[in-house]
């Protein structure tokens, strides 16, 4: 499953999510997920033009057949662990299938 991801280097939840991916601690949970990574500081306007609009990061979206987001989620909880809510969303999308 392809997922559009937007984060930033200064964002603590984004850093924790990235670290969890790099250390392999999410390998089992996200085995069927491929992230297409964007930097929110550089790419927000370009993403918005394609329909990927968000207020908060980290942000994830599943592209539809037309390339626009079919479903999306952004971290709403406060704190450095808010990225975990997105992992739960990614797991749900994986379970749902294509």
C-alpha atoms as a PDB file:
ATOM      1  CA  UNK A   1       0.000   0.000   0.000  1.00  0.00           C
ATOM      2  CA  UNK A   2       1.381   3.376  -1.003  1.00  0.00           C
ATOM      3  CA  UNK A   3       1.023   6.154   1.585  1.00  0.00           C
ATOM      4  CA  UNK A   4       1.866   9.833   1.216  1.00  0.00           C
ATOM      5  CA  UNK A   5       3.657  11.040   4.346  1.00  0.00           C
ATOM      6  CA  UNK A   6       4.465  14.634   5.314  1.00  0.00           C
ATOM      7  CA  UNK A   7       6.675  15.474   8.268  1.00  0.00           C
ATOM      8  CA  UNK A   8       9.470  17.846   9.235  1.00  0.00           C
ATOM      9  CA  UNK A   9      12.916  17.576  10.773  1.00  0.00           C
ATOM     10  CA  UNK A  10      12.007  19.884  13.671  1.00  0.00           C
ATOM     11  CA  UNK A  11       8.788  17.963  14.533  1.00  0.00           C
ATOM     12  CA  UNK A  12       9.304  15.709  17.564  1.00  0.00           C
ATOM     13  CA  UNK A  13       6.526  13.208  16.664  1.00  0.00           C
ATOM     14  CA  UNK A  14       7.920  13.069  13.115  1.00  0.00           C
ATOM     15  CA  UNK A  15      11.416  12.360  14.443  1.00  0.00           C
ATOM     16  CA  UNK A  16      10.098   9.564  16.650  1.00  0.00           C
ATOM     17  CA  UNK A  17       8.130   8.030  13.770  1.00  0.00           C
ATOM     18  CA  UNK A  18      11.194   8.210  11.518  1.00  0.00           C
ATOM     19  CA  UNK A  19      13.352   6.625  14.225  1.00  0.00           C
ATOM     20  CA  UNK A  20      10.839   3.801  14.716  1.00  0.00           C
ATOM     21  CA  UNK A  21      10.953   3.103  10.975  1.00  0.00           C
ATOM     22  CA  UNK A  22      14.745   3.272  10.765  1.00  0.00           C
ATOM     23  CA  UNK A  23      15.266   0.955  13.740  1.00  0.00           C
ATOM     24  CA  UNK A  24      12.842  -1.579  12.279  1.00  0.00           C
ATOM     25  CA  UNK A  25      10.436  -1.497  15.204  1.00  0.00           C
ATOM     26  CA  UNK A  26       7.507  -0.958  12.810  1.00  0.00           C
ATOM     27  CA  UNK A  27       8.550  -3.587  10.249  1.00  0.00           C
ATOM     28  CA  UNK A  28       5.906  -6.096  11.345  1.00  0.00           C
ATOM     29  CA  UNK A  29       3.132  -3.526  11.742  1.00  0.00           C
ATOM     30  CA  UNK A  30       3.751  -1.788   8.433  1.00  0.00           C
ATOM     31  CA  UNK A  31       5.090  -4.636   6.315  1.00  0.00           C
ATOM     32  CA  UNK A  32       2.742  -3.834   3.421  1.00  0.00           C
ATOM     33  CA  UNK A  33       3.210  -0.046   3.528  1.00  0.00           C
ATOM     34  CA  UNK A  34       5.473   2.047   1.316  1.00  0.00           C
ATOM     35  CA  UNK A  35       5.860   5.668   2.374  1.00  0.00           C
ATOM     36  CA  UNK A  36       6.233   8.403  -0.215  1.00  0.00           C
ATOM     37  CA  UNK A  37       7.957  10.980   2.013  1.00  0.00           C
ATOM     38  CA  UNK A  38       7.582  14.750   1.730  1.00  0.00           C
ATOM     39  CA  UNK A  39       9.002  17.575   3.823  1.00  0.00           C
ATOM     40  CA  UNK A  40       6.154  19.750   5.121  1.00  0.00           C
ATOM     41  CA  UNK A  41       8.396  22.820   5.131  1.00  0.00           C
ATOM     42  CA  UNK A  42       9.267  22.483   1.441  1.00  0.00           C
ATOM     43  CA  UNK A  43       6.358  20.589  -0.086  1.00  0.00           C
ATOM     44  CA  UNK A  44       3.127  21.832   1.569  1.00  0.00           C
ATOM     45  CA  UNK A  45       2.053  24.015  -1.369  1.00  0.00           C
ATOM     46  CA  UNK A  46       2.780  21.280  -3.902  1.00  0.00           C
ATOM     47  CA  UNK A  47       0.919  18.698  -1.806  1.00  0.00           C
ATOM     48  CA  UNK A  48      -2.053  21.047  -1.341  1.00  0.00           C
ATOM     49  CA  UNK A  49      -2.252  21.582  -5.104  1.00  0.00           C
ATOM     50  CA  UNK A  50      -2.652  17.813  -5.463  1.00  0.00           C
ATOM     51  CA  UNK A  51      -5.377  17.729  -2.783  1.00  0.00           C
ATOM     52  CA  UNK A  52      -3.192  16.724   0.165  1.00  0.00           C
ATOM     53  CA  UNK A  53      -4.109  19.454   2.655  1.00  0.00           C
ATOM     54  CA  UNK A  54      -3.273  19.292   6.329  1.00  0.00           C
ATOM     55  CA  UNK A  55      -2.975  21.479   9.403  1.00  0.00           C
ATOM     56  CA  UNK A  56      -0.858  19.193  11.557  1.00  0.00           C
ATOM     57  CA  UNK A  57       2.086  16.873  11.039  1.00  0.00           C
ATOM     58  CA  UNK A  58       2.893  14.105  10.852  1.00  0.00           C
ATOM     59  CA  UNK A  59       0.324  13.541   8.104  1.00  0.00           C
ATOM     60  CA  UNK A  60      -0.468  10.403   6.120  1.00  0.00           C
ATOM     61  CA  UNK A  61      -2.802   9.788   3.181  1.00  0.00           C
ATOM     62  CA  UNK A  62      -3.708   6.937   0.866  1.00  0.00           C
ATOM     63  CA  UNK A  63      -3.813   8.081  -2.762  1.00  0.00           C
ATOM     64  CA  UNK A  64      -6.919   7.160  -4.702  1.00  0.00           C
ATOM     65  CA  UNK A  65      -6.992   5.968  -8.296  1.00  0.00           C
ATOM     66  CA  UNK A  66      -7.080   9.606  -9.436  1.00  0.00           C
ATOM     67  CA  UNK A  67      -3.993  10.479  -7.372  1.00  0.00           C
ATOM     68  CA  UNK A  68      -5.941  12.589  -4.885  1.00  0.00           C
ATOM     69  CA  UNK A  69      -6.230  11.421  -1.268  1.00  0.00           C
ATOM     70  CA  UNK A  70      -8.837   8.705  -0.752  1.00  0.00           C
ATOM     71  CA  UNK A  71      -8.325   8.796   3.024  1.00  0.00           C
ATOM     72  CA  UNK A  72      -6.019  10.779   5.279  1.00  0.00           C
ATOM     73  CA  UNK A  73      -5.044  11.374   8.894  1.00  0.00           C
ATOM     74  CA  UNK A  74      -2.909  13.836  10.759  1.00  0.00           C
ATOM     75  CA  UNK A  75      -1.592  13.779  14.289  1.00  0.00           C
ATOM     76  CA  UNK A  76      -4.139  15.577  16.449  1.00  0.00           C
ATOM     77  CA  UNK A  77      -2.964  14.607  19.914  1.00  0.00           C
ATOM     78  CA  UNK A  78      -0.390  16.777  21.611  1.00  0.00           C
ATOM     79  CA  UNK A  79       2.982  15.455  22.600  1.00  0.00           C
ATOM     80  CA  UNK A  80       5.872  13.586  21.116  1.00  0.00           C
ATOM     81  CA  UNK A  81       3.973  10.277  21.055  1.00  0.00           C
ATOM     82  CA  UNK A  82       1.166  11.543  18.808  1.00  0.00           C
ATOM     83  CA  UNK A  83       2.723   9.694  15.860  1.00  0.00           C
ATOM     84  CA  UNK A  84       1.389   6.451  17.364  1.00  0.00           C
ATOM     85  CA  UNK A  85      -2.165   7.392  16.382  1.00  0.00           C
ATOM     86  CA  UNK A  86      -0.995   7.463  12.761  1.00  0.00           C
ATOM     87  CA  UNK A  87       0.571   4.019  13.092  1.00  0.00           C
ATOM     88  CA  UNK A  88      -2.822   2.728  14.244  1.00  0.00           C
ATOM     89  CA  UNK A  89      -4.435   4.355  11.196  1.00  0.00           C
ATOM     90  CA  UNK A  90      -1.825   2.825   8.876  1.00  0.00           C
ATOM     91  CA  UNK A  91      -2.443  -0.595  10.402  1.00  0.00           C
ATOM     92  CA  UNK A  92      -6.194  -0.183   9.842  1.00  0.00           C
ATOM     93  CA  UNK A  93      -5.637   0.803   6.212  1.00  0.00           C
ATOM     94  CA  UNK A  94      -3.397  -2.243   5.702  1.00  0.00           C
ATOM     95  CA  UNK A  95      -6.001  -4.540   7.242  1.00  0.00           C
ATOM     96  CA  UNK A  96      -8.671  -3.085   4.963  1.00  0.00           C
ATOM     97  CA  UNK A  97      -6.567  -3.928   1.921  1.00  0.00           C
ATOM     98  CA  UNK A  98      -6.441  -2.233  -1.467  1.00  0.00           C
END
